[in-house]
């Protein structure tokens, strides 16, 4: 089963701020986890309700949620690891 990837407006804005090559690598890597997303992400602590995960591509991170009922990966934020968790 393949998940659908949706980017929030904030995630799209974050990707536009990244260097072009980094944004391209991040987008391609996120598309590559659509088959088995849980093998590639780590759960973030401190969020109640829907679990939030991080996905790592080099020094860049994507913060996302995974909804199994709708087969959906929702990308919330993207950015450099030094500033993404603030």
PDB file of N, CA and C in Angstrom:
ATOM      1  N   UNK A   1       0.830  -1.177   0.000  1.00  0.00           N
ATOM      2  CA  UNK A   1       0.000   0.000   0.000  1.00  0.00           C
ATOM      3  C   UNK A   1       0.882   1.250   0.000  1.00  0.00           C
ATOM      4  N   UNK A   2       0.531   2.175  -0.830  1.00  0.00           N
ATOM      5  CA  UNK A   2       1.314   3.389  -1.009  1.00  0.00           C
ATOM      6  C   UNK A   2       0.603   4.570  -0.365  1.00  0.00           C
ATOM      7  N   UNK A   3       1.348   5.318   0.409  1.00  0.00           N
ATOM      8  CA  UNK A   3       0.823   6.510   1.057  1.00  0.00           C
ATOM      9  C   UNK A   3       0.907   7.698   0.100  1.00  0.00           C
ATOM     10  N   UNK A   4       0.001   8.637   0.259  1.00  0.00           N
ATOM     11  CA  UNK A   4       0.024   9.887  -0.491  1.00  0.00           C
ATOM     12  C   UNK A   4       0.752  10.925   0.350  1.00  0.00           C
ATOM     13  N   UNK A   5       1.602  11.731  -0.275  1.00  0.00           N
ATOM     14  CA  UNK A   5       2.352  12.773   0.425  1.00  0.00           C
ATOM     15  C   UNK A   5       1.707  14.122   0.134  1.00  0.00           C
ATOM     16  N   UNK A   6       1.398  14.864   1.198  1.00  0.00           N
ATOM     17  CA  UNK A   6       0.843  16.212   1.075  1.00  0.00           C
ATOM     18  C   UNK A   6       1.721  17.157   1.885  1.00  0.00           C
ATOM     19  N   UNK A   7       2.048  18.293   1.301  1.00  0.00           N
ATOM     20  CA  UNK A   7       2.861  19.315   1.958  1.00  0.00           C
ATOM     21  C   UNK A   7       1.955  20.449   2.424  1.00  0.00           C
ATOM     22  N   UNK A   8       2.096  20.871   3.682  1.00  0.00           N
ATOM     23  CA  UNK A   8       1.354  22.032   4.159  1.00  0.00           C
ATOM     24  C   UNK A   8       1.941  23.284   3.517  1.00  0.00           C
ATOM     25  N   UNK A   9       1.229  24.395   3.636  1.00  0.00           N
ATOM     26  CA  UNK A   9       1.726  25.663   3.103  1.00  0.00           C
ATOM     27  C   UNK A   9       3.049  26.036   3.773  1.00  0.00           C
ATOM     28  N   UNK A  10       3.154  25.771   5.056  1.00  0.00           N
ATOM     29  CA  UNK A  10       4.403  26.074   5.764  1.00  0.00           C
ATOM     30  C   UNK A  10       5.551  25.230   5.237  1.00  0.00           C
ATOM     31  N   UNK A  11       5.303  23.946   4.995  1.00  0.00           N
ATOM     32  CA  UNK A  11       6.354  23.063   4.483  1.00  0.00           C
ATOM     33  C   UNK A  11       6.805  23.519   3.096  1.00  0.00           C
ATOM     34  N   UNK A  12       5.869  23.920   2.252  1.00  0.00           N
ATOM     35  CA  UNK A  12       6.243  24.422   0.923  1.00  0.00           C
ATOM     36  C   UNK A  12       7.074  25.696   1.027  1.00  0.00           C
ATOM     37  N   UNK A  13       6.702  26.571   1.942  1.00  0.00           N
ATOM     38  CA  UNK A  13       7.465  27.806   2.154  1.00  0.00           C
ATOM     39  C   UNK A  13       8.863  27.482   2.682  1.00  0.00           C
ATOM     40  N   UNK A  14       8.943  26.532   3.628  1.00  0.00           N
ATOM     41  CA  UNK A  14      10.249  26.112   4.169  1.00  0.00           C
ATOM     42  C   UNK A  14      11.142  25.543   3.076  1.00  0.00           C
ATOM     43  N   UNK A  15      10.578  24.747   2.184  1.00  0.00           N
ATOM     44  CA  UNK A  15      11.356  24.153   1.097  1.00  0.00           C
ATOM     45  C   UNK A  15      11.872  25.207   0.128  1.00  0.00           C
ATOM     46  N   UNK A  16      11.088  26.239  -0.113  1.00  0.00           N
ATOM     47  CA  UNK A  16      11.545  27.316  -0.996  1.00  0.00           C
ATOM     48  C   UNK A  16      12.726  28.078  -0.407  1.00  0.00           C
ATOM     49  N   UNK A  17      12.831  28.112   0.924  1.00  0.00           N
ATOM     50  CA  UNK A  17      13.929  28.819   1.586  1.00  0.00           C
ATOM     51  C   UNK A  17      15.232  28.017   1.572  1.00  0.00           C
ATOM     52  N   UNK A  18      15.146  26.711   1.369  1.00  0.00           N
ATOM     53  CA  UNK A  18      16.335  25.858   1.366  1.00  0.00           C
ATOM     54  C   UNK A  18      17.092  26.015   0.053  1.00  0.00           C
ATOM     55  N   UNK A  19      18.387  25.661   0.053  1.00  0.00           N
ATOM     56  CA  UNK A  19      19.105  25.600  -1.230  1.00  0.00           C
ATOM     57  C   UNK A  19      18.394  24.628  -2.176  1.00  0.00           C
ATOM     58  N   UNK A  20      18.405  24.922  -3.453  1.00  0.00           N
ATOM     59  CA  UNK A  20      17.650  24.134  -4.431  1.00  0.00           C
ATOM     60  C   UNK A  20      17.996  22.646  -4.376  1.00  0.00           C
ATOM     61  N   UNK A  21      19.277  22.329  -4.286  1.00  0.00           N
ATOM     62  CA  UNK A  21      19.691  20.922  -4.253  1.00  0.00           C
ATOM     63  C   UNK A  21      19.191  20.223  -2.991  1.00  0.00           C
ATOM     64  N   UNK A  22      19.239  20.896  -1.859  1.00  0.00           N
ATOM     65  CA  UNK A  22      18.767  20.310  -0.599  1.00  0.00           C
ATOM     66  C   UNK A  22      17.256  20.074  -0.656  1.00  0.00           C
ATOM     67  N   UNK A  23      16.513  21.032  -1.185  1.00  0.00           N
ATOM     68  CA  UNK A  23      15.063  20.873  -1.296  1.00  0.00           C
ATOM     69  C   UNK A  23      14.719  19.709  -2.219  1.00  0.00           C
ATOM     70  N   UNK A  24      15.429  19.606  -3.327  1.00  0.00           N
ATOM     71  CA  UNK A  24      15.187  18.509  -4.269  1.00  0.00           C
ATOM     72  C   UNK A  24      15.461  17.163  -3.615  1.00  0.00           C
ATOM     73  N   UNK A  25      16.575  17.055  -2.905  1.00  0.00           N
ATOM     74  CA  UNK A  25      16.907  15.793  -2.224  1.00  0.00           C
ATOM     75  C   UNK A  25      15.859  15.432  -1.180  1.00  0.00           C
ATOM     76  N   UNK A  26      15.386  16.421  -0.429  1.00  0.00           N
ATOM     77  CA  UNK A  26      14.387  16.182   0.603  1.00  0.00           C
ATOM     78  C   UNK A  26      13.072  15.713  -0.013  1.00  0.00           C
ATOM     79  N   UNK A  27      12.633  16.361  -1.082  1.00  0.00           N
ATOM     80  CA  UNK A  27      11.383  15.980  -1.744  1.00  0.00           C
ATOM     81  C   UNK A  27      11.475  14.568  -2.314  1.00  0.00           C
ATOM     82  N   UNK A  28      12.578  14.250  -2.969  1.00  0.00           N
ATOM     83  CA  UNK A  28      12.758  12.900  -3.526  1.00  0.00           C
ATOM     84  C   UNK A  28      12.824  11.844  -2.433  1.00  0.00           C
ATOM     85  N   UNK A  29      13.478  12.161  -1.327  1.00  0.00           N
ATOM     86  CA  UNK A  29      13.582  11.202  -0.222  1.00  0.00           C
ATOM     87  C   UNK A  29      12.218  10.961   0.418  1.00  0.00           C
ATOM     88  N   UNK A  30      11.428  12.007   0.590  1.00  0.00           N
ATOM     89  CA  UNK A  30      10.092  11.840   1.162  1.00  0.00           C
ATOM     90  C   UNK A  30       9.225  11.003   0.228  1.00  0.00           C
ATOM     91  N   UNK A  31       9.333  11.227  -1.061  1.00  0.00           N
ATOM     92  CA  UNK A  31       8.581  10.415  -2.028  1.00  0.00           C
ATOM     93  C   UNK A  31       9.009   8.956  -1.960  1.00  0.00           C
ATOM     94  N   UNK A  32      10.256   8.706  -1.596  1.00  0.00           N
ATOM     95  CA  UNK A  32      10.771   7.345  -1.521  1.00  0.00           C
ATOM     96  C   UNK A  32      10.302   6.544  -0.324  1.00  0.00           C
ATOM     97  N   UNK A  33       9.710   7.197   0.686  1.00  0.00           N
ATOM     98  CA  UNK A  33       9.260   6.452   1.871  1.00  0.00           C
ATOM     99  C   UNK A  33       7.770   6.127   1.823  1.00  0.00           C
ATOM    100  N   UNK A  34       7.127   6.373   0.683  1.00  0.00           N
ATOM    101  CA  UNK A  34       5.680   6.169   0.591  1.00  0.00           C
ATOM    102  C   UNK A  34       5.254   4.722   0.811  1.00  0.00           C
ATOM    103  N   UNK A  35       6.095   3.764   0.530  1.00  0.00           N
ATOM    104  CA  UNK A  35       5.736   2.346   0.711  1.00  0.00           C
ATOM    105  C   UNK A  35       5.787   1.923   2.178  1.00  0.00           C
ATOM    106  N   UNK A  36       6.861   2.240   2.872  1.00  0.00           N
ATOM    107  CA  UNK A  36       7.072   1.835   4.269  1.00  0.00           C
ATOM    108  C   UNK A  36       7.557   3.028   5.091  1.00  0.00           C
ATOM    109  N   UNK A  37       6.692   3.975   5.411  1.00  0.00           N
ATOM    110  CA  UNK A  37       7.172   5.188   6.073  1.00  0.00           C
ATOM    111  C   UNK A  37       7.730   4.953   7.476  1.00  0.00           C
ATOM    112  N   UNK A  38       7.204   4.009   8.209  1.00  0.00           N
ATOM    113  CA  UNK A  38       7.637   3.822   9.594  1.00  0.00           C
ATOM    114  C   UNK A  38       9.065   3.295   9.716  1.00  0.00           C
ATOM    115  N   UNK A  39       9.614   2.735   8.666  1.00  0.00           N
ATOM    116  CA  UNK A  39      10.987   2.251   8.695  1.00  0.00           C
ATOM    117  C   UNK A  39      11.996   3.385   8.608  1.00  0.00           C
ATOM    118  N   UNK A  40      11.559   4.571   8.209  1.00  0.00           N
ATOM    119  CA  UNK A  40      12.482   5.664   7.929  1.00  0.00           C
ATOM    120  C   UNK A  40      12.331   6.870   8.844  1.00  0.00           C
ATOM    121  N   UNK A  41      11.372   6.844   9.753  1.00  0.00           N
ATOM    122  CA  UNK A  41      11.106   8.006  10.601  1.00  0.00           C
ATOM    123  C   UNK A  41      11.340   7.665  12.066  1.00  0.00           C
ATOM    124  N   UNK A  42      11.487   8.710  12.870  1.00  0.00           N
ATOM    125  CA  UNK A  42      11.584   8.566  14.325  1.00  0.00           C
ATOM    126  C   UNK A  42      10.512   9.437  14.954  1.00  0.00           C
ATOM    127  N   UNK A  43       9.903   8.926  15.991  1.00  0.00           N
ATOM    128  CA  UNK A  43       8.845   9.646  16.681  1.00  0.00           C
ATOM    129  C   UNK A  43       9.441  10.762  17.532  1.00  0.00           C
ATOM    130  N   UNK A  44       8.811  11.931  17.494  1.00  0.00           N
ATOM    131  CA  UNK A  44       9.248  13.059  18.312  1.00  0.00           C
ATOM    132  C   UNK A  44       8.481  13.057  19.628  1.00  0.00           C
ATOM    133  N   UNK A  45       9.173  13.336  20.706  1.00  0.00           N
ATOM    134  CA  UNK A  45       8.542  13.409  22.027  1.00  0.00           C
ATOM    135  C   UNK A  45       7.918  14.787  22.225  1.00  0.00           C
ATOM    136  N   UNK A  46       6.961  14.856  23.131  1.00  0.00           N
ATOM    137  CA  UNK A  46       6.394  16.144  23.497  1.00  0.00           C
ATOM    138  C   UNK A  46       5.141  16.539  22.745  1.00  0.00           C
ATOM    139  N   UNK A  47       4.591  15.665  21.942  1.00  0.00           N
ATOM    140  CA  UNK A  47       3.370  15.972  21.204  1.00  0.00           C
ATOM    141  C   UNK A  47       2.254  15.072  21.697  1.00  0.00           C
ATOM    142  N   UNK A  48       1.156  15.671  22.120  1.00  0.00           N
ATOM    143  CA  UNK A  48       0.007  14.872  22.549  1.00  0.00           C
ATOM    144  C   UNK A  48      -0.954  14.742  21.369  1.00  0.00           C
ATOM    145  N   UNK A  49      -1.753  13.732  21.387  1.00  0.00           N
ATOM    146  CA  UNK A  49      -2.679  13.508  20.268  1.00  0.00           C
ATOM    147  C   UNK A  49      -1.999  12.755  19.150  1.00  0.00           C
ATOM    148  N   UNK A  50      -2.071  13.289  17.955  1.00  0.00           N
ATOM    149  CA  UNK A  50      -1.484  12.650  16.784  1.00  0.00           C
ATOM    150  C   UNK A  50       0.035  12.613  16.904  1.00  0.00           C
ATOM    151  N   UNK A  51       0.653  11.454  16.744  1.00  0.00           N
ATOM    152  CA  UNK A  51       2.121  11.381  16.811  1.00  0.00           C
ATOM    153  C   UNK A  51       2.778  12.176  15.678  1.00  0.00           C
ATOM    154  N   UNK A  52       3.894  12.796  15.999  1.00  0.00           N
ATOM    155  CA  UNK A  52       4.658  13.583  15.029  1.00  0.00           C
ATOM    156  C   UNK A  52       6.010  12.910  14.870  1.00  0.00           C
ATOM    157  N   UNK A  53       6.492  12.831  13.640  1.00  0.00           N
ATOM    158  CA  UNK A  53       7.730  12.135  13.327  1.00  0.00           C
ATOM    159  C   UNK A  53       8.720  13.067  12.654  1.00  0.00           C
ATOM    160  N   UNK A  54       9.985  12.678  12.707  1.00  0.00           N
ATOM    161  CA  UNK A  54      11.010  13.397  11.963  1.00  0.00           C
ATOM    162  C   UNK A  54      11.590  12.453  10.933  1.00  0.00           C
ATOM    163  N   UNK A  55      11.968  13.027   9.812  1.00  0.00           N
ATOM    164  CA  UNK A  55      12.590  12.285   8.735  1.00  0.00           C
ATOM    165  C   UNK A  55      13.887  12.990   8.399  1.00  0.00           C
ATOM    166  N   UNK A  56      14.972  12.275   8.376  1.00  0.00           N
ATOM    167  CA  UNK A  56      16.299  12.841   8.218  1.00  0.00           C
ATOM    168  C   UNK A  56      16.852  12.598   6.818  1.00  0.00           C
ATOM    169  N   UNK A  57      17.364  13.667   6.208  1.00  0.00           N
ATOM    170  CA  UNK A  57      18.066  13.571   4.926  1.00  0.00           C
ATOM    171  C   UNK A  57      19.305  14.443   5.065  1.00  0.00           C
ATOM    172  N   UNK A  58      20.435  13.814   5.375  1.00  0.00           N
ATOM    173  CA  UNK A  58      21.658  14.576   5.605  1.00  0.00           C
ATOM    174  C   UNK A  58      21.487  15.502   6.787  1.00  0.00           C
ATOM    175  N   UNK A  59      21.769  16.787   6.598  1.00  0.00           N
ATOM    176  CA  UNK A  59      21.619  17.738   7.697  1.00  0.00           C
ATOM    177  C   UNK A  59      20.242  18.377   7.743  1.00  0.00           C
ATOM    178  N   UNK A  60      19.347  17.964   6.859  1.00  0.00           N
ATOM    179  CA  UNK A  60      18.009  18.534   6.795  1.00  0.00           C
ATOM    180  C   UNK A  60      16.986  17.560   7.369  1.00  0.00           C
ATOM    181  N   UNK A  61      15.903  18.125   7.896  1.00  0.00           N
ATOM    182  CA  UNK A  61      14.857  17.321   8.515  1.00  0.00           C
ATOM    183  C   UNK A  61      13.501  17.744   7.991  1.00  0.00           C
ATOM    184  N   UNK A  62      12.589  16.793   7.980  1.00  0.00           N
ATOM    185  CA  UNK A  62      11.182  17.070   7.705  1.00  0.00           C
ATOM    186  C   UNK A  62      10.394  16.584   8.914  1.00  0.00           C
ATOM    187  N   UNK A  63       9.471  17.388   9.378  1.00  0.00           N
ATOM    188  CA  UNK A  63       8.578  17.014  10.474  1.00  0.00           C
ATOM    189  C   UNK A  63       7.257  16.649   9.828  1.00  0.00           C
ATOM    190  N   UNK A  64       6.736  15.460  10.166  1.00  0.00           N
ATOM    191  CA  UNK A  64       5.546  14.976   9.485  1.00  0.00           C
ATOM    192  C   UNK A  64       4.663  14.140  10.390  1.00  0.00           C
ATOM    193  N   UNK A  65       3.436  13.941   9.967  1.00  0.00           N
ATOM    194  CA  UNK A  65       2.516  13.018  10.615  1.00  0.00           C
ATOM    195  C   UNK A  65       2.141  11.951   9.590  1.00  0.00           C
ATOM    196  N   UNK A  66       1.771  10.797  10.104  1.00  0.00           N
ATOM    197  CA  UNK A  66       1.376   9.689   9.232  1.00  0.00           C
ATOM    198  C   UNK A  66      -0.022   9.245   9.658  1.00  0.00           C
ATOM    199  N   UNK A  67      -0.953   9.264   8.730  1.00  0.00           N
ATOM    200  CA  UNK A  67      -2.326   8.849   9.001  1.00  0.00           C
ATOM    201  C   UNK A  67      -2.588   7.545   8.256  1.00  0.00           C
ATOM    202  N   UNK A  68      -2.643   6.457   9.002  1.00  0.00           N
ATOM    203  CA  UNK A  68      -2.784   5.136   8.398  1.00  0.00           C
ATOM    204  C   UNK A  68      -4.167   4.903   7.780  1.00  0.00           C
ATOM    205  N   UNK A  69      -5.212   5.469   8.380  1.00  0.00           N
ATOM    206  CA  UNK A  69      -6.565   5.239   7.874  1.00  0.00           C
ATOM    207  C   UNK A  69      -6.741   5.793   6.462  1.00  0.00           C
ATOM    208  N   UNK A  70      -6.099   6.930   6.184  1.00  0.00           N
ATOM    209  CA  UNK A  70      -6.233   7.563   4.875  1.00  0.00           C
ATOM    210  C   UNK A  70      -5.009   7.352   4.005  1.00  0.00           C
ATOM    211  N   UNK A  71      -4.036   6.574   4.483  1.00  0.00           N
ATOM    212  CA  UNK A  71      -2.779   6.346   3.773  1.00  0.00           C
ATOM    213  C   UNK A  71      -2.170   7.682   3.347  1.00  0.00           C
ATOM    214  N   UNK A  72      -1.888   8.520   4.352  1.00  0.00           N
ATOM    215  CA  UNK A  72      -1.460   9.886   4.108  1.00  0.00           C
ATOM    216  C   UNK A  72      -0.217  10.224   4.921  1.00  0.00           C
ATOM    217  N   UNK A  73       0.764  10.841   4.283  1.00  0.00           N
ATOM    218  CA  UNK A  73       1.922  11.412   4.956  1.00  0.00           C
ATOM    219  C   UNK A  73       1.779  12.918   4.794  1.00  0.00           C
ATOM    220  N   UNK A  74       1.608  13.627   5.907  1.00  0.00           N
ATOM    221  CA  UNK A  74       1.433  15.069   5.889  1.00  0.00           C
ATOM    222  C   UNK A  74       2.717  15.726   6.375  1.00  0.00           C
ATOM    223  N   UNK A  75       3.409  16.417   5.487  1.00  0.00           N
ATOM    224  CA  UNK A  75       4.663  17.087   5.825  1.00  0.00           C
ATOM    225  C   UNK A  75       4.314  18.447   6.411  1.00  0.00           C
ATOM    226  N   UNK A  76       4.704  18.664   7.676  1.00  0.00           N
ATOM    227  CA  UNK A  76       4.361  19.883   8.393  1.00  0.00           C
ATOM    228  C   UNK A  76       5.405  20.977   8.236  1.00  0.00           C
ATOM    229  N   UNK A  77       6.689  20.607   8.350  1.00  0.00           N
ATOM    230  CA  UNK A  77       7.790  21.563   8.273  1.00  0.00           C
ATOM    231  C   UNK A  77       8.992  20.894   7.646  1.00  0.00           C
ATOM    232  N   UNK A  78       9.907  21.699   7.136  1.00  0.00           N
ATOM    233  CA  UNK A  78      11.165  21.197   6.592  1.00  0.00           C
ATOM    234  C   UNK A  78      12.232  22.254   6.839  1.00  0.00           C
ATOM    235  N   UNK A  79      13.449  21.791   7.103  1.00  0.00           N
ATOM    236  CA  UNK A  79      14.512  22.763   7.302  1.00  0.00           C
ATOM    237  C   UNK A  79      15.794  22.134   7.792  1.00  0.00           C
ATOM    238  N   UNK A  80      16.747  22.996   8.087  1.00  0.00           N
ATOM    239  CA  UNK A  80      18.044  22.577   8.616  1.00  0.00           C
ATOM    240  C   UNK A  80      17.874  22.041  10.029  1.00  0.00           C
ATOM    241  N   UNK A  81      18.651  21.062  10.392  1.00  0.00           N
ATOM    242  CA  UNK A  81      18.492  20.440  11.705  1.00  0.00           C
ATOM    243  C   UNK A  81      18.770  21.402  12.846  1.00  0.00           C
ATOM    244  N   UNK A  82      19.518  22.469  12.597  1.00  0.00           N
ATOM    245  CA  UNK A  82      19.842  23.406  13.659  1.00  0.00           C
ATOM    246  C   UNK A  82      18.655  24.282  14.053  1.00  0.00           C
ATOM    247  N   UNK A  83      17.658  24.398  13.185  1.00  0.00           N
ATOM    248  CA  UNK A  83      16.549  25.304  13.499  1.00  0.00           C
ATOM    249  C   UNK A  83      15.167  24.676  13.383  1.00  0.00           C
ATOM    250  N   UNK A  84      15.054  23.470  12.937  1.00  0.00           N
ATOM    251  CA  UNK A  84      13.740  22.888  12.655  1.00  0.00           C
ATOM    252  C   UNK A  84      12.928  22.607  13.910  1.00  0.00           C
ATOM    253  N   UNK A  85      13.539  22.299  15.024  1.00  0.00           N
ATOM    254  CA  UNK A  85      12.808  21.883  16.220  1.00  0.00           C
ATOM    255  C   UNK A  85      12.447  23.049  17.136  1.00  0.00           C
ATOM    256  N   UNK A  86      12.724  24.278  16.745  1.00  0.00           N
ATOM    257  CA  UNK A  86      12.430  25.424  17.615  1.00  0.00           C
ATOM    258  C   UNK A  86      11.009  25.885  17.488  1.00  0.00           C
TER     259      UNK A  86
END
